Protein backbone atom coordinates (compact mmCIF):
# COMPACT_ATOMS: atom_id res chain seq x y z
CA UNK A 1 37.73 288.64 173.14
CA UNK A 2 34.49 289.71 175.07
CA UNK A 3 34.58 291.82 178.06
CA UNK A 4 32.64 293.44 180.88
CA UNK A 5 33.00 295.25 184.03
CA UNK A 6 29.83 295.58 185.89
CA UNK A 7 28.52 296.63 189.72
CA UNK A 8 25.68 293.43 190.56
CA UNK A 9 22.37 295.31 190.92
CA UNK A 10 21.90 292.61 193.66
CA UNK A 11 25.07 292.88 195.57
CA UNK A 12 27.83 295.66 196.28
CA UNK A 13 30.07 293.46 194.42
CA UNK A 14 32.21 294.37 190.94
CA UNK A 15 32.14 291.48 188.47
CA UNK A 16 34.83 291.33 185.31
CA UNK A 17 33.59 288.59 183.09
CA UNK A 18 36.82 287.27 181.01
CA UNK A 19 35.96 285.77 177.30
CA UNK A 20 37.69 284.28 174.97
CA UNK A 21 41.53 285.04 174.58
CA UNK A 22 42.76 288.01 176.67
CA UNK A 23 45.81 290.02 175.70
CA UNK A 24 48.47 290.88 178.14
CA UNK A 25 47.50 294.93 177.88
CA UNK A 26 43.76 294.24 177.67
CA UNK A 27 44.21 292.24 181.26
CA UNK A 28 46.19 295.02 182.84
CA UNK A 29 43.91 297.32 181.25
CA UNK A 30 40.24 295.35 182.77
CA UNK A 31 42.04 295.19 186.52
CA UNK A 32 42.11 299.15 186.13
CA UNK A 33 38.54 298.98 185.13
CA UNK A 34 37.66 297.15 187.83
CA UNK A 35 39.56 299.28 190.32
CA UNK A 36 38.30 302.82 189.25
CA UNK A 37 34.61 300.87 189.27
CA UNK A 38 35.70 299.79 193.22
CA UNK A 39 36.94 303.47 194.07
CA UNK A 40 33.72 304.89 192.54
CA UNK A 41 31.13 302.74 194.11
CA UNK A 42 33.10 302.03 197.92
CA UNK A 43 32.75 298.29 196.79
CA UNK A 44 36.00 295.83 197.93
CA UNK A 45 34.09 292.62 196.41
CA UNK A 46 35.37 291.34 192.96
CA UNK A 47 33.89 288.56 191.14
CA UNK A 48 36.06 287.69 188.24
CA UNK A 49 34.31 285.50 185.90
CA UNK A 50 36.67 283.24 183.67
CA UNK A 51 34.20 280.28 182.96
CA UNK A 52 34.70 281.38 179.26
CA UNK A 53 38.56 282.54 179.25
CA UNK A 54 40.53 280.81 176.94
CA UNK A 55 44.30 280.11 176.59
CA UNK A 56 46.62 281.45 179.28
CA UNK A 57 49.08 284.21 180.26
CA UNK A 58 52.82 284.09 180.99
CA UNK A 59 54.00 283.98 184.42
CA UNK A 60 55.96 287.46 183.75
CA UNK A 61 52.58 289.00 182.90
CA UNK A 62 50.49 287.40 185.74
CA UNK A 63 52.86 288.85 188.08
CA UNK A 64 52.85 292.25 186.44
CA UNK A 65 48.81 292.26 186.47
CA UNK A 66 49.36 291.66 190.23
CA UNK A 67 51.54 294.52 190.55
CA UNK A 68 48.91 296.51 188.61
CA UNK A 69 46.52 295.61 191.13
CA UNK A 70 48.41 296.53 194.15
CA UNK A 71 49.66 299.83 192.52
CA UNK A 72 45.96 300.89 191.89
CA UNK A 73 44.68 299.64 195.26
CA UNK A 74 41.23 300.28 195.58
CA UNK A 75 41.46 300.43 199.10
CA UNK A 76 39.62 298.51 201.90
CA UNK A 77 40.30 294.71 202.47
CA UNK A 78 39.64 293.93 198.99
CA UNK A 79 38.17 289.98 198.50
CA UNK A 80 37.94 288.38 195.16
CA UNK A 81 36.57 285.31 193.89
CA UNK A 82 37.57 283.63 191.25
CA UNK A 83 35.26 281.63 188.52
CA UNK A 84 37.49 278.63 186.61
CA UNK A 85 37.63 278.79 183.23
CA UNK A 86 37.13 275.31 181.70
CA UNK A 87 40.32 274.67 179.19
CA UNK A 88 43.23 273.62 181.04
CA UNK A 89 45.61 276.32 179.83
CA UNK A 90 43.60 279.10 181.60
CA UNK A 91 42.81 276.97 184.36
CA UNK A 92 46.88 276.53 185.31
CA UNK A 93 46.92 280.61 184.54
CA UNK A 94 44.14 281.08 187.29
CA UNK A 95 45.55 279.13 189.76
CA UNK A 96 48.82 280.57 189.28
CA UNK A 97 46.76 283.97 189.63
CA UNK A 98 45.20 282.62 193.09
CA UNK A 99 48.74 282.29 194.68
CA UNK A 100 50.51 285.40 193.31
CA UNK A 101 48.26 287.05 194.61
CA UNK A 102 48.01 285.39 198.02
CA UNK A 103 51.64 285.66 198.27
CA UNK A 104 51.46 289.25 198.09
CA UNK A 105 48.49 289.30 201.08
CA UNK A 106 45.67 289.58 198.89
CA UNK A 107 42.45 287.51 199.66
CA UNK A 108 41.65 285.74 196.13
CA UNK A 109 39.87 282.20 196.54
CA UNK A 110 39.03 279.90 192.96
CA UNK A 111 35.08 278.68 192.56
CA UNK A 112 33.68 276.44 190.02
CA UNK A 113 29.95 277.39 191.52
CA UNK A 114 28.87 281.08 190.81
CA UNK A 115 26.17 281.19 193.94
CA UNK A 116 29.02 279.83 196.18
CA UNK A 117 31.47 282.10 195.16
CA UNK A 118 29.07 285.14 195.83
CA UNK A 119 28.12 283.75 198.92
CA UNK A 120 31.66 283.74 199.88
CA UNK A 121 32.14 287.56 199.05
CA UNK A 122 29.21 288.41 200.92
CA UNK A 123 30.33 286.47 204.85
């Protein structure tokens, strides 16, 4: 698994890139790292690039990750755009993530185009 969490130089957006298979532990760590950067930079817009994500996560792992996100609230009204993965298992997990987040009051939307995702975040 390779991964990165960075503030985009051209926009106030924290981008987290997920590549390959991501363990539940790594997923929780990436969420906490993303929130740390959001707090430090005062950013409330997130771009989760799952386009190269492989495999999926269990419903239990995804619920736990939503709870990790909520417990480490970055502050402000957070919006997250998620770039869809290509694989079926990862796609289903990302769709579940969107629904689980929305059910908990978070503003999350799926995209298949990076430019459209960034435009939505900047609205």
